[in-house]
Amino acid sequence: MTSSTKSTSILLAPFVWLWQLVTFILGLTGRLLAVLLGFVLLVLGLLVTLTVIGAIIGIPMLIVGFALIVRGLF
């Protein structure tokens, strides 16, 4: 496996890390399971976001769930 040595802007680094995490999960679980896991994270993130304090955890869960669904489908 080759490693890429591209430099990423510090502002875009969290998005690159999130995409790499989603790709790692997709490689481990497979496409169908990644879509199902993404849907579960999406629903749980929505439920947790309904509480004001839980929004700190819920919004990132929504983003990761959506990213898993998108990555699993395409």
C-alpha atoms as a PDB file:
ATOM      1  CA  MET A   1       0.000   0.000   0.000  1.00  0.00           C
ATOM      2  CA  THR A   2       1.367   3.383  -0.922  1.00  0.00           C
ATOM      3  CA  SER A   3       1.244   6.358   1.348  1.00  0.00           C
ATOM      4  CA  SER A   4       0.412   9.754  -0.006  1.00  0.00           C
ATOM      5  CA  THR A   5       2.529  12.685   1.033  1.00  0.00           C
ATOM      6  CA  LYS A   6       0.173  15.431  -0.085  1.00  0.00           C
ATOM      7  CA  SER A   7       0.019  18.398   2.242  1.00  0.00           C
ATOM      8  CA  THR A   8      -3.415  19.480   3.344  1.00  0.00           C
ATOM      9  CA  SER A   9      -4.430  22.932   4.482  1.00  0.00           C
ATOM     10  CA  ILE A  10      -4.954  23.132   8.222  1.00  0.00           C
ATOM     11  CA  LEU A  11      -8.521  24.296   7.612  1.00  0.00           C
ATOM     12  CA  LEU A  12      -9.362  21.249   5.517  1.00  0.00           C
ATOM     13  CA  ALA A  13      -7.535  18.705   7.676  1.00  0.00           C
ATOM     14  CA  PRO A  14     -10.583  17.728   9.814  1.00  0.00           C
ATOM     15  CA  PHE A  15     -12.576  16.953   6.669  1.00  0.00           C
ATOM     16  CA  VAL A  16      -9.742  14.853   5.269  1.00  0.00           C
ATOM     17  CA  TRP A  17      -9.500  12.956   8.566  1.00  0.00           C
ATOM     18  CA  LEU A  18     -13.255  12.382   8.599  1.00  0.00           C
ATOM     19  CA  TRP A  19     -13.186  11.071   5.026  1.00  0.00           C
ATOM     20  CA  GLN A  20     -10.249   8.780   5.856  1.00  0.00           C
ATOM     21  CA  LEU A  21     -12.169   7.436   8.887  1.00  0.00           C
ATOM     22  CA  VAL A  22     -15.227   6.779   6.740  1.00  0.00           C
ATOM     23  CA  THR A  23     -13.089   5.040   4.114  1.00  0.00           C
ATOM     24  CA  PHE A  24     -11.442   2.916   6.812  1.00  0.00           C
ATOM     25  CA  ILE A  25     -14.831   1.854   8.226  1.00  0.00           C
ATOM     26  CA  LEU A  26     -16.078   1.097   4.720  1.00  0.00           C
ATOM     27  CA  GLY A  27     -13.049  -1.078   4.015  1.00  0.00           C
ATOM     28  CA  LEU A  28     -13.554  -2.985   7.238  1.00  0.00           C
ATOM     29  CA  THR A  29     -17.285  -3.553   7.059  1.00  0.00           C
ATOM     30  CA  GLY A  30     -18.253  -3.583   3.410  1.00  0.00           C
ATOM     31  CA  ARG A  31     -20.701  -1.410   1.566  1.00  0.00           C
ATOM     32  CA  LEU A  32     -24.036  -2.702   2.824  1.00  0.00           C
ATOM     33  CA  LEU A  33     -22.991  -2.746   6.451  1.00  0.00           C
ATOM     34  CA  ALA A  34     -21.457   0.722   6.071  1.00  0.00           C
ATOM     35  CA  VAL A  35     -24.755   2.083   4.742  1.00  0.00           C
ATOM     36  CA  LEU A  36     -26.663   0.431   7.596  1.00  0.00           C
ATOM     37  CA  LEU A  37     -24.186   1.725  10.168  1.00  0.00           C
ATOM     38  CA  GLY A  38     -24.418   5.185   8.599  1.00  0.00           C
ATOM     39  CA  PHE A  39     -28.211   5.116   8.823  1.00  0.00           C
ATOM     40  CA  VAL A  40     -28.062   4.074  12.489  1.00  0.00           C
ATOM     41  CA  LEU A  41     -25.582   6.871  13.253  1.00  0.00           C
ATOM     42  CA  LEU A  42     -27.798   9.315  11.376  1.00  0.00           C
ATOM     43  CA  VAL A  43     -30.876   8.386  13.415  1.00  0.00           C
ATOM     44  CA  LEU A  44     -28.986   8.309  16.722  1.00  0.00           C
ATOM     45  CA  GLY A  45     -27.374  11.647  15.929  1.00  0.00           C
ATOM     46  CA  LEU A  46     -30.787  13.123  15.212  1.00  0.00           C
ATOM     47  CA  LEU A  47     -32.214  11.797  18.478  1.00  0.00           C
ATOM     48  CA  VAL A  48     -29.247  13.016  20.509  1.00  0.00           C
ATOM     49  CA  THR A  49     -29.392  16.430  18.823  1.00  0.00           C
ATOM     50  CA  LEU A  50     -32.946  16.935  20.046  1.00  0.00           C
ATOM     51  CA  THR A  51     -31.497  17.594  23.493  1.00  0.00           C
ATOM     52  CA  VAL A  52     -29.624  20.874  23.604  1.00  0.00           C
ATOM     53  CA  ILE A  53     -26.596  19.505  25.461  1.00  0.00           C
ATOM     54  CA  GLY A  54     -26.472  16.419  23.245  1.00  0.00           C
ATOM     55  CA  ALA A  55     -26.099  18.551  20.120  1.00  0.00           C
ATOM     56  CA  ILE A  56     -22.349  18.670  20.740  1.00  0.00           C
ATOM     57  CA  ILE A  57     -22.201  14.915  20.129  1.00  0.00           C
ATOM     58  CA  GLY A  58     -25.250  14.577  17.879  1.00  0.00           C
ATOM     59  CA  ILE A  59     -24.202  16.867  15.054  1.00  0.00           C
ATOM     60  CA  PRO A  60     -20.875  15.080  14.418  1.00  0.00           C
ATOM     61  CA  MET A  61     -22.763  11.767  14.554  1.00  0.00           C
ATOM     62  CA  LEU A  62     -25.111  13.081  11.873  1.00  0.00           C
ATOM     63  CA  ILE A  63     -22.190  14.149   9.705  1.00  0.00           C
ATOM     64  CA  VAL A  64     -20.347  10.826  10.043  1.00  0.00           C
ATOM     65  CA  GLY A  65     -23.565   8.881   9.399  1.00  0.00           C
ATOM     66  CA  PHE A  66     -24.303  10.873   6.269  1.00  0.00           C
ATOM     67  CA  ALA A  67     -20.720  10.502   5.061  1.00  0.00           C
ATOM     68  CA  LEU A  68     -20.896   6.718   5.583  1.00  0.00           C
ATOM     69  CA  ILE A  69     -24.123   6.493   3.605  1.00  0.00           C
ATOM     70  CA  VAL A  70     -22.732   8.584   0.744  1.00  0.00           C
ATOM     71  CA  ARG A  71     -19.457   6.669   0.669  1.00  0.00           C
ATOM     72  CA  GLY A  72     -21.251   3.308   0.860  1.00  0.00           C
ATOM     73  CA  LEU A  73     -23.607   4.108  -2.005  1.00  0.00           C
ATOM     74  CA  PHE A  74     -21.095   5.719  -4.346  1.00  0.00           C
END
